[in-house]
Amino acid sequence: MAVMTHAFARLQTANYGDLTAAQQDRFDALMREADTAGTGTAYNAAMVDAALVAGLPVPASKDIARCSCYTDAGGCGCDLIFDSHQDGVVVTAVNDPGFNLSQLQCPTCGHDHPRPIAD
């Protein structure tokens, strides 16, 4: 009889810096589109397309983010693109009214040097 071990799900990520200039431009445009999309399918469609442009399998959440450390003053410059609903994600700034996307840190940055939103 064979013994099976449980495998942990491997989280899929991409590095923004590894994308071509054309892919980066398209990814940025799709993330802006998702940020300002109204309710309905426009948000999900933009997120799905952005994930595919980045080379990520579309997560069940249909929500992806780019680590906010690439823009944070004093941030580490992380440019990871990841599923925004995975464990360990840290919110660094909430979305402004009329926008959908908050700034998030990937789980590694959230663990190593968290910059949570101020209380």
PDB file of N, CA and C in Angstrom:
ATOM      1  N   MET A   1       0.839  -1.161   0.000  1.00  0.00           N
ATOM      2  CA  MET A   1       0.000   0.000   0.000  1.00  0.00           C
ATOM      3  C   MET A   1       0.897   1.241   0.000  1.00  0.00           C
ATOM      4  N   ALA A   2       0.570   2.183  -0.846  1.00  0.00           N
ATOM      5  CA  ALA A   2       1.329   3.430  -0.938  1.00  0.00           C
ATOM      6  C   ALA A   2       0.850   4.413   0.115  1.00  0.00           C
ATOM      7  N   VAL A   3       1.781   5.153   0.650  1.00  0.00           N
ATOM      8  CA  VAL A   3       1.448   6.180   1.637  1.00  0.00           C
ATOM      9  C   VAL A   3       1.495   7.528   0.937  1.00  0.00           C
ATOM     10  N   MET A   4       0.437   8.287   1.088  1.00  0.00           N
ATOM     11  CA  MET A   4       0.355   9.620   0.474  1.00  0.00           C
ATOM     12  C   MET A   4       0.611  10.670   1.551  1.00  0.00           C
ATOM     13  N   THR A   5       1.398  11.648   1.225  1.00  0.00           N
ATOM     14  CA  THR A   5       1.596  12.768   2.137  1.00  0.00           C
ATOM     15  C   THR A   5       0.810  13.953   1.613  1.00  0.00           C
ATOM     16  N   HIS A   6       0.439  14.818   2.488  1.00  0.00           N
ATOM     17  CA  HIS A   6      -0.292  16.014   2.086  1.00  0.00           C
ATOM     18  C   HIS A   6       0.685  17.051   1.552  1.00  0.00           C
ATOM     19  N   ALA A   7       0.374  17.573   0.416  1.00  0.00           N
ATOM     20  CA  ALA A   7       1.198  18.636  -0.169  1.00  0.00           C
ATOM     21  C   ALA A   7       0.547  19.969   0.131  1.00  0.00           C
ATOM     22  N   PHE A   8       1.359  20.932   0.484  1.00  0.00           N
ATOM     23  CA  PHE A   8       0.844  22.264   0.723  1.00  0.00           C
ATOM     24  C   PHE A   8       0.674  22.983  -0.603  1.00  0.00           C
ATOM     25  N   ALA A   9      -0.356  23.793  -0.693  1.00  0.00           N
ATOM     26  CA  ALA A   9      -0.582  24.560  -1.918  1.00  0.00           C
ATOM     27  C   ALA A   9       0.566  25.544  -2.111  1.00  0.00           C
ATOM     28  N   ARG A  10       1.086  25.589  -3.296  1.00  0.00           N
ATOM     29  CA  ARG A  10       2.167  26.525  -3.598  1.00  0.00           C
ATOM     30  C   ARG A  10       1.560  27.812  -4.116  1.00  0.00           C
ATOM     31  N   LEU A  11       1.872  28.897  -3.473  1.00  0.00           N
ATOM     32  CA  LEU A  11       1.318  30.177  -3.880  1.00  0.00           C
ATOM     33  C   LEU A  11       2.031  30.664  -5.130  1.00  0.00           C
ATOM     34  N   GLN A  12       1.268  31.143  -6.050  1.00  0.00           N
ATOM     35  CA  GLN A  12       1.819  31.631  -7.306  1.00  0.00           C
ATOM     36  C   GLN A  12       2.032  33.138  -7.213  1.00  0.00           C
ATOM     37  N   THR A  13       3.200  33.571  -7.612  1.00  0.00           N
ATOM     38  CA  THR A  13       3.533  34.991  -7.620  1.00  0.00           C
ATOM     39  C   THR A  13       4.302  35.307  -8.896  1.00  0.00           C
ATOM     40  N   ALA A  14       4.454  36.585  -9.156  1.00  0.00           N
ATOM     41  CA  ALA A  14       5.271  37.048 -10.281  1.00  0.00           C
ATOM     42  C   ALA A  14       6.002  38.300  -9.824  1.00  0.00           C
ATOM     43  N   ASN A  15       7.107  38.597 -10.453  1.00  0.00           N
ATOM     44  CA  ASN A  15       7.837  39.836 -10.186  1.00  0.00           C
ATOM     45  C   ASN A  15       7.547  40.825 -11.304  1.00  0.00           C
ATOM     46  N   TYR A  16       7.078  41.989 -10.914  1.00  0.00           N
ATOM     47  CA  TYR A  16       6.761  43.039 -11.876  1.00  0.00           C
ATOM     48  C   TYR A  16       7.974  43.364 -12.745  1.00  0.00           C
ATOM     49  N   GLY A  17       9.148  43.408 -12.145  1.00  0.00           N
ATOM     50  CA  GLY A  17      10.370  43.740 -12.874  1.00  0.00           C
ATOM     51  C   GLY A  17      10.756  42.729 -13.933  1.00  0.00           C
ATOM     52  N   ASP A  18      10.210  41.514 -13.845  1.00  0.00           N
ATOM     53  CA  ASP A  18      10.491  40.488 -14.845  1.00  0.00           C
ATOM     54  C   ASP A  18       9.602  40.616 -16.083  1.00  0.00           C
ATOM     55  N   LEU A  19       8.577  41.463 -15.994  1.00  0.00           N
ATOM     56  CA  LEU A  19       7.688  41.659 -17.140  1.00  0.00           C
ATOM     57  C   LEU A  19       8.376  42.561 -18.169  1.00  0.00           C
ATOM     58  N   THR A  20       8.032  42.383 -19.416  1.00  0.00           N
ATOM     59  CA  THR A  20       8.542  43.291 -20.452  1.00  0.00           C
ATOM     60  C   THR A  20       7.915  44.665 -20.255  1.00  0.00           C
ATOM     61  N   ALA A  21       8.462  45.667 -20.903  1.00  0.00           N
ATOM     62  CA  ALA A  21       7.900  47.022 -20.810  1.00  0.00           C
ATOM     63  C   ALA A  21       6.451  47.033 -21.280  1.00  0.00           C
ATOM     64  N   ALA A  22       6.154  46.323 -22.344  1.00  0.00           N
ATOM     65  CA  ALA A  22       4.775  46.261 -22.851  1.00  0.00           C
ATOM     66  C   ALA A  22       3.852  45.575 -21.848  1.00  0.00           C
ATOM     67  N   GLN A  23       4.334  44.502 -21.211  1.00  0.00           N
ATOM     68  CA  GLN A  23       3.525  43.822 -20.199  1.00  0.00           C
ATOM     69  C   GLN A  23       3.298  44.733 -18.987  1.00  0.00           C
ATOM     70  N   GLN A  24       4.341  45.448 -18.571  1.00  0.00           N
ATOM     71  CA  GLN A  24       4.192  46.369 -17.439  1.00  0.00           C
ATOM     72  C   GLN A  24       3.153  47.444 -17.755  1.00  0.00           C
ATOM     73  N   ASP A  25       3.219  48.014 -18.954  1.00  0.00           N
ATOM     74  CA  ASP A  25       2.250  49.047 -19.345  1.00  0.00           C
ATOM     75  C   ASP A  25       0.835  48.499 -19.322  1.00  0.00           C
ATOM     76  N   ARG A  26       0.653  47.291 -19.871  1.00  0.00           N
ATOM     77  CA  ARG A  26      -0.680  46.676 -19.905  1.00  0.00           C
ATOM     78  C   ARG A  26      -1.150  46.334 -18.500  1.00  0.00           C
ATOM     79  N   PHE A  27      -0.262  45.777 -17.679  1.00  0.00           N
ATOM     80  CA  PHE A  27      -0.599  45.448 -16.295  1.00  0.00           C
ATOM     81  C   PHE A  27      -1.035  46.702 -15.544  1.00  0.00           C
ATOM     82  N   ASP A  28      -0.257  47.777 -15.663  1.00  0.00           N
ATOM     83  CA  ASP A  28      -0.588  49.039 -14.982  1.00  0.00           C
ATOM     84  C   ASP A  28      -1.950  49.566 -15.432  1.00  0.00           C
ATOM     85  N   ALA A  29      -2.205  49.507 -16.730  1.00  0.00           N
ATOM     86  CA  ALA A  29      -3.488  49.984 -17.260  1.00  0.00           C
ATOM     87  C   ALA A  29      -4.645  49.150 -16.713  1.00  0.00           C
ATOM     88  N   LEU A  30      -4.463  47.840 -16.647  1.00  0.00           N
ATOM     89  CA  LEU A  30      -5.523  46.972 -16.133  1.00  0.00           C
ATOM     90  C   LEU A  30      -5.749  47.188 -14.641  1.00  0.00           C
ATOM     91  N   MET A  31      -4.689  47.427 -13.887  1.00  0.00           N
ATOM     92  CA  MET A  31      -4.854  47.697 -12.455  1.00  0.00           C
ATOM     93  C   MET A  31      -5.555  49.038 -12.237  1.00  0.00           C
ATOM     94  N   ARG A  32      -5.251  50.051 -13.061  1.00  0.00           N
ATOM     95  CA  ARG A  32      -5.976  51.327 -12.973  1.00  0.00           C
ATOM     96  C   ARG A  32      -7.443  51.117 -13.316  1.00  0.00           C
ATOM     97  N   GLU A  33      -7.691  50.300 -14.340  1.00  0.00           N
ATOM     98  CA  GLU A  33      -9.064  49.988 -14.737  1.00  0.00           C
ATOM     99  C   GLU A  33      -9.813  49.307 -13.589  1.00  0.00           C
ATOM    100  N   ALA A  34      -9.180  48.334 -12.942  1.00  0.00           N
ATOM    101  CA  ALA A  34      -9.804  47.646 -11.810  1.00  0.00           C
ATOM    102  C   ALA A  34     -10.042  48.616 -10.656  1.00  0.00           C
ATOM    103  N   ASP A  35      -9.107  49.524 -10.445  1.00  0.00           N
ATOM    104  CA  ASP A  35      -9.210  50.475  -9.335  1.00  0.00           C
ATOM    105  C   ASP A  35     -10.420  51.391  -9.479  1.00  0.00           C
ATOM    106  N   THR A  36     -10.761  51.722 -10.706  1.00  0.00           N
ATOM    107  CA  THR A  36     -11.864  52.670 -10.922  1.00  0.00           C
ATOM    108  C   THR A  36     -13.124  52.005 -11.467  1.00  0.00           C
ATOM    109  N   ALA A  37     -13.107  50.681 -11.597  1.00  0.00           N
ATOM    110  CA  ALA A  37     -14.275  49.966 -12.126  1.00  0.00           C
ATOM    111  C   ALA A  37     -15.437  50.064 -11.156  1.00  0.00           C
ATOM    112  N   GLY A  38     -16.606  50.150 -11.712  1.00  0.00           N
ATOM    113  CA  GLY A  38     -17.808  50.106 -10.878  1.00  0.00           C
ATOM    114  C   GLY A  38     -18.079  48.674 -10.452  1.00  0.00           C
ATOM    115  N   THR A  39     -19.229  48.470  -9.892  1.00  0.00           N
ATOM    116  CA  THR A  39     -19.600  47.114  -9.497  1.00  0.00           C
ATOM    117  C   THR A  39     -19.930  46.297 -10.740  1.00  0.00           C
ATOM    118  N   GLY A  40     -19.939  44.998 -10.570  1.00  0.00           N
ATOM    119  CA  GLY A  40     -20.246  44.129 -11.694  1.00  0.00           C
ATOM    120  C   GLY A  40     -19.018  43.415 -12.201  1.00  0.00           C
ATOM    121  N   THR A  41     -19.025  43.085 -13.461  1.00  0.00           N
ATOM    122  CA  THR A  41     -17.984  42.242 -14.022  1.00  0.00           C
ATOM    123  C   THR A  41     -16.740  43.006 -14.457  1.00  0.00           C
ATOM    124  N   ALA A  42     -16.798  44.316 -14.564  1.00  0.00           N
ATOM    125  CA  ALA A  42     -15.641  45.084 -15.055  1.00  0.00           C
ATOM    126  C   ALA A  42     -14.428  44.906 -14.147  1.00  0.00           C
ATOM    127  N   TYR A  43     -14.634  44.924 -12.845  1.00  0.00           N
ATOM    128  CA  TYR A  43     -13.529  44.747 -11.900  1.00  0.00           C
ATOM    129  C   TYR A  43     -12.900  43.370 -12.077  1.00  0.00           C
ATOM    130  N   ASN A  44     -13.736  42.337 -12.049  1.00  0.00           N
ATOM    131  CA  ASN A  44     -13.216  40.969 -12.182  1.00  0.00           C
ATOM    132  C   ASN A  44     -12.508  40.767 -13.509  1.00  0.00           C
ATOM    133  N   ALA A  45     -13.054  41.307 -14.579  1.00  0.00           N
ATOM    134  CA  ALA A  45     -12.438  41.150 -15.905  1.00  0.00           C
ATOM    135  C   ALA A  45     -11.060  41.802 -15.931  1.00  0.00           C
ATOM    136  N   ALA A  46     -10.931  42.995 -15.357  1.00  0.00           N
ATOM    137  CA  ALA A  46      -9.633  43.680 -15.328  1.00  0.00           C
ATOM    138  C   ALA A  46      -8.630  42.900 -14.485  1.00  0.00           C
ATOM    139  N   MET A  47      -9.070  42.369 -13.350  1.00  0.00           N
ATOM    140  CA  MET A  47      -8.177  41.598 -12.480  1.00  0.00           C
ATOM    141  C   MET A  47      -7.730  40.298 -13.153  1.00  0.00           C
ATOM    142  N   VAL A  48      -8.652  39.621 -13.793  1.00  0.00           N
ATOM    143  CA  VAL A  48      -8.309  38.380 -14.492  1.00  0.00           C
ATOM    144  C   VAL A  48      -7.294  38.675 -15.595  1.00  0.00           C
ATOM    145  N   ASP A  49      -7.550  39.706 -16.379  1.00  0.00           N
ATOM    146  CA  ASP A  49      -6.614  40.059 -17.457  1.00  0.00           C
ATOM    147  C   ASP A  49      -5.251  40.475 -16.908  1.00  0.00           C
ATOM    148  N   ALA A  50      -5.232  41.209 -15.791  1.00  0.00           N
ATOM    149  CA  ALA A  50      -3.958  41.623 -15.189  1.00  0.00           C
ATOM    150  C   ALA A  50      -3.174  40.410 -14.704  1.00  0.00           C
ATOM    151  N   ALA A  51      -3.855  39.451 -14.099  1.00  0.00           N
ATOM    152  CA  ALA A  51      -3.177  38.234 -13.641  1.00  0.00           C
ATOM    153  C   ALA A  51      -2.573  37.497 -14.826  1.00  0.00           C
ATOM    154  N   LEU A  52      -3.322  37.387 -15.903  1.00  0.00           N
ATOM    155  CA  LEU A  52      -2.827  36.672 -17.083  1.00  0.00           C
ATOM    156  C   LEU A  52      -1.644  37.397 -17.720  1.00  0.00           C
ATOM    157  N   VAL A  53      -1.696  38.733 -17.778  1.00  0.00           N
ATOM    158  CA  VAL A  53      -0.571  39.501 -18.316  1.00  0.00           C
ATOM    159  C   VAL A  53       0.684  39.262 -17.476  1.00  0.00           C
ATOM    160  N   ALA A  54       0.508  39.142 -16.158  1.00  0.00           N
ATOM    161  CA  ALA A  54       1.644  38.918 -15.257  1.00  0.00           C
ATOM    162  C   ALA A  54       2.119  37.464 -15.284  1.00  0.00           C
ATOM    163  N   GLY A  55       1.367  36.595 -15.946  1.00  0.00           N
ATOM    164  CA  GLY A  55       1.747  35.190 -16.006  1.00  0.00           C
ATOM    165  C   GLY A  55       1.315  34.389 -14.797  1.00  0.00           C
ATOM    166  N   LEU A  56       0.336  34.908 -14.064  1.00  0.00           N
ATOM    167  CA  LEU A  56      -0.166  34.218 -12.874  1.00  0.00           C
ATOM    168  C   LEU A  56      -1.405  33.406 -13.212  1.00  0.00           C
ATOM    169  N   PRO A  57      -1.567  32.243 -12.571  1.00  0.00           N
ATOM    170  CA  PRO A  57      -2.866  31.596 -12.651  1.00  0.00           C
ATOM    171  C   PRO A  57      -3.866  32.512 -11.930  1.00  0.00           C
ATOM    172  N   VAL A  58      -5.056  32.622 -12.441  1.00  0.00           N
ATOM    173  CA  VAL A  58      -6.049  33.505 -11.826  1.00  0.00           C
ATOM    174  C   VAL A  58      -6.448  32.915 -10.475  1.00  0.00           C
ATOM    175  N   PRO A  59      -6.238  33.666  -9.379  1.00  0.00           N
ATOM    176  CA  PRO A  59      -6.611  33.128  -8.071  1.00  0.00           C
ATOM    177  C   PRO A  59      -8.126  33.067  -7.919  1.00  0.00           C
ATOM    178  N   ALA A  60      -8.583  32.200  -7.051  1.00  0.00           N
ATOM    179  CA  ALA A  60     -10.017  32.052  -6.807  1.00  0.00           C
ATOM    180  C   ALA A  60     -10.644  33.387  -6.394  1.00  0.00           C
ATOM    181  N   SER A  61      -9.881  34.202  -5.687  1.00  0.00           N
ATOM    182  CA  SER A  61     -10.387  35.497  -5.224  1.00  0.00           C
ATOM    183  C   SER A  61     -10.577  36.491  -6.365  1.00  0.00           C
ATOM    184  N   LYS A  62      -9.894  36.256  -7.469  1.00  0.00           N
ATOM    185  CA  LYS A  62      -9.844  37.188  -8.605  1.00  0.00           C
ATOM    186  C   LYS A  62      -9.316  38.557  -8.189  1.00  0.00           C
ATOM    187  N   ASP A  63      -8.541  38.589  -7.123  1.00  0.00           N
ATOM    188  CA  ASP A  63      -7.920  39.820  -6.637  1.00  0.00           C
ATOM    189  C   ASP A  63      -6.419  39.626  -6.569  1.00  0.00           C
ATOM    190  N   ILE A  64      -5.689  40.492  -7.251  1.00  0.00           N
ATOM    191  CA  ILE A  64      -4.235  40.478  -7.160  1.00  0.00           C
ATOM    192  C   ILE A  64      -3.765  41.866  -6.759  1.00  0.00           C
ATOM    193  N   ALA A  65      -2.538  41.947  -6.332  1.00  0.00           N
ATOM    194  CA  ALA A  65      -1.963  43.232  -5.941  1.00  0.00           C
ATOM    195  C   ALA A  65      -0.468  43.200  -6.236  1.00  0.00           C
ATOM    196  N   ARG A  66       0.090  44.372  -6.310  1.00  0.00           N
ATOM    197  CA  ARG A  66       1.544  44.520  -6.385  1.00  0.00           C
ATOM    198  C   ARG A  66       1.989  45.044  -5.032  1.00  0.00           C
ATOM    199  N   CYS A  67       3.026  44.456  -4.467  1.00  0.00           N
ATOM    200  CA  CYS A  67       3.482  44.827  -3.133  1.00  0.00           C
ATOM    201  C   CYS A  67       3.716  46.331  -3.054  1.00  0.00           C
ATOM    202  N   SER A  68       3.180  46.947  -2.006  1.00  0.00           N
ATOM    203  CA  SER A  68       3.310  48.398  -1.852  1.00  0.00           C
ATOM    204  C   SER A  68       4.730  48.821  -1.484  1.00  0.00           C
ATOM    205  N   CYS A  69       5.613  47.889  -1.182  1.00  0.00           N
ATOM    206  CA  CYS A  69       6.997  48.246  -0.852  1.00  0.00           C
ATOM    207  C   CYS A  69       7.741  48.853  -2.036  1.00  0.00           C
ATOM    208  N   TYR A  70       7.209  48.689  -3.243  1.00  0.00           N
ATOM    209  CA  TYR A  70       7.897  49.285  -4.391  1.00  0.00           C
ATOM    210  C   TYR A  70       7.751  50.794  -4.388  1.00  0.00           C
ATOM    211  N   THR A  71       6.750  51.325  -3.705  1.00  0.00           N
ATOM    212  CA  THR A  71       6.551  52.775  -3.680  1.00  0.00           C
ATOM    213  C   THR A  71       6.751  53.400  -2.308  1.00  0.00           C
ATOM    214  N   ASP A  72       6.665  52.607  -1.247  1.00  0.00           N
ATOM    215  CA  ASP A  72       6.786  53.157   0.102  1.00  0.00           C
ATOM    216  C   ASP A  72       8.136  53.842   0.283  1.00  0.00           C
ATOM    217  N   ALA A  73       8.091  55.036   0.873  1.00  0.00           N
ATOM    218  CA  ALA A  73       9.351  55.700   1.224  1.00  0.00           C
ATOM    219  C   ALA A  73      10.065  54.811   2.230  1.00  0.00           C
ATOM    220  N   GLY A  74      11.271  54.448   1.919  1.00  0.00           N
ATOM    221  CA  GLY A  74      12.015  53.568   2.801  1.00  0.00           C
ATOM    222  C   GLY A  74      11.667  52.107   2.641  1.00  0.00           C
ATOM    223  N   GLY A  75      10.773  51.793   1.698  1.00  0.00           N
ATOM    224  CA  GLY A  75      10.412  50.401   1.455  1.00  0.00           C
ATOM    225  C   GLY A  75      11.567  49.643   0.829  1.00  0.00           C
ATOM    226  N   CYS A  76      11.430  48.344   0.771  1.00  0.00           N
ATOM    227  CA  CYS A  76      12.536  47.510   0.287  1.00  0.00           C
ATOM    228  C   CYS A  76      12.589  47.415  -1.237  1.00  0.00           C
ATOM    229  N   GLY A  77      11.583  47.924  -1.926  1.00  0.00           N
ATOM    230  CA  GLY A  77      11.578  47.861  -3.383  1.00  0.00           C
ATOM    231  C   GLY A  77      10.978  46.588  -3.936  1.00  0.00           C
ATOM    232  N   CYS A  78      10.358  45.769  -3.099  1.00  0.00           N
ATOM    233  CA  CYS A  78       9.731  44.523  -3.538  1.00  0.00           C
ATOM    234  C   CYS A  78       8.706  44.829  -4.628  1.00  0.00           C
ATOM    235  N   ASP A  79       8.735  44.044  -5.682  1.00  0.00           N
ATOM    236  CA  ASP A  79       7.782  44.275  -6.766  1.00  0.00           C
ATOM    237  C   ASP A  79       6.950  43.027  -7.051  1.00  0.00           C
ATOM    238  N   LEU A  80       6.688  42.250  -6.005  1.00  0.00           N
ATOM    239  CA  LEU A  80       5.945  41.010  -6.139  1.00  0.00           C
ATOM    240  C   LEU A  80       4.479  41.292  -6.483  1.00  0.00           C
ATOM    241  N   ILE A  81       3.941  40.502  -7.387  1.00  0.00           N
ATOM    242  CA  ILE A  81       2.515  40.510  -7.719  1.00  0.00           C
ATOM    243  C   ILE A  81       1.950  39.229  -7.118  1.00  0.00           C
ATOM    244  N   PHE A  82       0.846  39.325  -6.382  1.00  0.00           N
ATOM    245  CA  PHE A  82       0.369  38.185  -5.597  1.00  0.00           C
ATOM    246  C   PHE A  82      -1.146  38.233  -5.423  1.00  0.00           C
ATOM    247  N   ASP A  83      -1.701  37.109  -4.981  1.00  0.00           N
ATOM    248  CA  ASP A  83      -3.121  37.006  -4.624  1.00  0.00           C
ATOM    249  C   ASP A  83      -3.331  37.839  -3.359  1.00  0.00           C
ATOM    250  N   SER A  84      -4.174  38.823  -3.425  1.00  0.00           N
ATOM    251  CA  SER A  84      -4.339  39.736  -2.292  1.00  0.00           C
ATOM    252  C   SER A  84      -5.125  39.132  -1.126  1.00  0.00           C
ATOM    253  N   HIS A  85      -5.630  37.925  -1.286  1.00  0.00           N
ATOM    254  CA  HIS A  85      -6.393  37.284  -0.212  1.00  0.00           C
ATOM    255  C   HIS A  85      -5.614  36.197   0.513  1.00  0.00           C
ATOM    256  N   GLN A  86      -4.323  36.056   0.248  1.00  0.00           N
ATOM    257  CA  GLN A  86      -3.565  35.016   0.931  1.00  0.00           C
ATOM    258  C   GLN A  86      -3.214  35.457   2.350  1.00  0.00           C
ATOM    259  N   ASP A  87      -2.959  34.476   3.194  1.00  0.00           N
ATOM    260  CA  ASP A  87      -2.599  34.750   4.581  1.00  0.00           C
ATOM    261  C   ASP A  87      -1.309  35.558   4.639  1.00  0.00           C
ATOM    262  N   GLY A  88      -1.262  36.510   5.566  1.00  0.00           N
ATOM    263  CA  GLY A  88      -0.054  37.290   5.790  1.00  0.00           C
ATOM    264  C   GLY A  88       0.013  38.601   5.045  1.00  0.00           C
ATOM    265  N   VAL A  89      -0.957  38.894   4.192  1.00  0.00           N
ATOM    266  CA  VAL A  89      -0.977  40.172   3.474  1.00  0.00           C
ATOM    267  C   VAL A  89      -1.268  41.284   4.481  1.00  0.00           C
ATOM    268  N   VAL A  90      -0.550  42.397   4.365  1.00  0.00           N
ATOM    269  CA  VAL A  90      -0.704  43.522   5.284  1.00  0.00           C
ATOM    270  C   VAL A  90      -1.214  44.738   4.504  1.00  0.00           C
ATOM    271  N   VAL A  91      -2.256  45.382   5.032  1.00  0.00           N
ATOM    272  CA  VAL A  91      -2.800  46.596   4.420  1.00  0.00           C
ATOM    273  C   VAL A  91      -1.954  47.777   4.874  1.00  0.00           C
ATOM    274  N   THR A  92      -1.414  48.540   3.904  1.00  0.00           N
ATOM    275  CA  THR A  92      -0.603  49.707   4.251  1.00  0.00           C
ATOM    276  C   THR A  92      -1.357  51.010   4.027  1.00  0.00           C
ATOM    277  N   ALA A  93      -2.395  50.989   3.215  1.00  0.00           N
ATOM    278  CA  ALA A  93      -3.243  52.165   3.005  1.00  0.00           C
ATOM    279  C   ALA A  93      -4.561  51.673   2.418  1.00  0.00           C
ATOM    280  N   VAL A  94      -5.655  52.172   2.971  1.00  0.00           N
ATOM    281  CA  VAL A  94      -6.964  51.764   2.462  1.00  0.00           C
ATOM    282  C   VAL A  94      -7.291  52.559   1.206  1.00  0.00           C
ATOM    283  N   ASN A  95      -8.209  52.008   0.434  1.00  0.00           N
ATOM    284  CA  ASN A  95      -8.579  52.674  -0.813  1.00  0.00           C
ATOM    285  C   ASN A  95      -9.299  53.989  -0.535  1.00  0.00           C
ATOM    286  N   ASP A  96      -9.100  54.944  -1.409  1.00  0.00           N
ATOM    287  CA  ASP A  96      -9.787  56.227  -1.324  1.00  0.00           C
ATOM    288  C   ASP A  96     -11.216  56.060  -1.827  1.00  0.00           C
ATOM    289  N   PRO A  97     -12.132  56.923  -1.392  1.00  0.00           N
ATOM    290  CA  PRO A  97     -13.510  56.836  -1.903  1.00  0.00           C
ATOM    291  C   PRO A  97     -13.516  56.902  -3.435  1.00  0.00           C
ATOM    292  N   GLY A  98     -14.298  56.036  -4.050  1.00  0.00           N
ATOM    293  CA  GLY A  98     -14.389  55.993  -5.500  1.00  0.00           C
ATOM    294  C   GLY A  98     -13.356  55.087  -6.138  1.00  0.00           C
ATOM    295  N   PHE A  99     -12.501  54.478  -5.319  1.00  0.00           N
ATOM    296  CA  PHE A  99     -11.476  53.568  -5.825  1.00  0.00           C
ATOM    297  C   PHE A  99     -11.620  52.217  -5.124  1.00  0.00           C
ATOM    298  N   ASN A 100     -11.150  51.166  -5.769  1.00  0.00           N
ATOM    299  CA  ASN A 100     -11.317  49.811  -5.251  1.00  0.00           C
ATOM    300  C   ASN A 100     -10.090  49.238  -4.562  1.00  0.00           C
ATOM    301  N   LEU A 101      -8.902  49.673  -4.932  1.00  0.00           N
ATOM    302  CA  LEU A 101      -7.690  48.991  -4.489  1.00  0.00           C
ATOM    303  C   LEU A 101      -6.994  49.678  -3.317  1.00  0.00           C
ATOM    304  N   SER A 102      -6.779  48.900  -2.275  1.00  0.00           N
ATOM    305  CA  SER A 102      -5.956  49.352  -1.164  1.00  0.00           C
ATOM    306  C   SER A 102      -4.507  49.024  -1.492  1.00  0.00           C
ATOM    307  N   GLN A 103      -3.580  49.638  -0.776  1.00  0.00           N
ATOM    308  CA  GLN A 103      -2.176  49.274  -0.933  1.00  0.00           C
ATOM    309  C   GLN A 103      -1.896  48.137   0.039  1.00  0.00           C
ATOM    310  N   LEU A 104      -1.235  47.103  -0.474  1.00  0.00           N
ATOM    311  CA  LEU A 104      -0.983  45.898   0.305  1.00  0.00           C
ATOM    312  C   LEU A 104       0.481  45.497   0.230  1.00  0.00           C
ATOM    313  N   GLN A 105       0.965  44.889   1.303  1.00  0.00           N
ATOM    314  CA  GLN A 105       2.287  44.277   1.300  1.00  0.00           C
ATOM    315  C   GLN A 105       2.111  42.773   1.126  1.00  0.00           C
ATOM    316  N   CYS A 106       3.025  42.158   0.384  1.00  0.00           N
ATOM    317  CA  CYS A 106       3.017  40.703   0.241  1.00  0.00           C
ATOM    318  C   CYS A 106       3.305  40.080   1.610  1.00  0.00           C
ATOM    319  N   PRO A 107       2.986  38.813   1.800  1.00  0.00           N
ATOM    320  CA  PRO A 107       3.221  38.177   3.103  1.00  0.00           C
ATOM    321  C   PRO A 107       4.674  38.245   3.580  1.00  0.00           C
ATOM    322  N   THR A 108       5.645  38.137   2.673  1.00  0.00           N
ATOM    323  CA  THR A 108       7.051  38.198   3.094  1.00  0.00           C
ATOM    324  C   THR A 108       7.380  39.569   3.669  1.00  0.00           C
ATOM    325  N   CYS A 109       7.005  40.629   2.950  1.00  0.00           N
ATOM    326  CA  CYS A 109       7.277  41.979   3.448  1.00  0.00           C
ATOM    327  C   CYS A 109       6.449  42.273   4.699  1.00  0.00           C
ATOM    328  N   GLY A 110       5.204  41.799   4.716  1.00  0.00           N
ATOM    329  CA  GLY A 110       4.353  42.000   5.880  1.00  0.00           C
ATOM    330  C   GLY A 110       4.932  41.358   7.127  1.00  0.00           C
ATOM    331  N   HIS A 111       5.655  40.280   6.936  1.00  0.00           N
ATOM    332  CA  HIS A 111       6.307  39.601   8.057  1.00  0.00           C
ATOM    333  C   HIS A 111       7.643  40.255   8.408  1.00  0.00           C
ATOM    334  N   ASP A 112       8.435  40.558   7.383  1.00  0.00           N
ATOM    335  CA  ASP A 112       9.796  41.051   7.609  1.00  0.00           C
ATOM    336  C   ASP A 112       9.861  42.518   8.037  1.00  0.00           C
ATOM    337  N   HIS A 113       9.028  43.346   7.481  1.00  0.00           N
ATOM    338  CA  HIS A 113       9.048  44.776   7.804  1.00  0.00           C
ATOM    339  C   HIS A 113       7.660  45.388   7.592  1.00  0.00           C
ATOM    340  N   PRO A 114       6.723  45.030   8.454  1.00  0.00           N
ATOM    341  CA  PRO A 114       5.343  45.503   8.267  1.00  0.00           C
ATOM    342  C   PRO A 114       5.237  47.025   8.364  1.00  0.00           C
ATOM    343  N   ARG A 115       4.420  47.569   7.488  1.00  0.00           N
ATOM    344  CA  ARG A 115       4.093  48.992   7.507  1.00  0.00           C
ATOM    345  C   ARG A 115       2.565  49.103   7.514  1.00  0.00           C
ATOM    346  N   PRO A 116       1.939  48.640   8.597  1.00  0.00           N
ATOM    347  CA  PRO A 116       0.472  48.684   8.614  1.00  0.00           C
ATOM    348  C   PRO A 116      -0.051  50.108   8.647  1.00  0.00           C
ATOM    349  N   ILE A 117      -1.319  50.230   8.308  1.00  0.00           N
ATOM    350  CA  ILE A 117      -1.918  51.570   8.330  1.00  0.00           C
ATOM    351  C   ILE A 117      -1.940  52.084   9.764  1.00  0.00           C
ATOM    352  N   ALA A 118      -1.867  53.373   9.923  1.00  0.00           N
ATOM    353  CA  ALA A 118      -1.878  53.989  11.249  1.00  0.00           C
ATOM    354  C   ALA A 118      -3.262  53.894  11.842  1.00  0.00           C
ATOM    355  N   ASP A 119      -3.331  53.730  13.149  1.00  0.00           N
ATOM    356  CA  ASP A 119      -4.627  53.671  13.840  1.00  0.00           C
ATOM    357  C   ASP A 119      -5.193  55.063  14.004  1.00  0.00           C
TER     358      ASP A 119
END
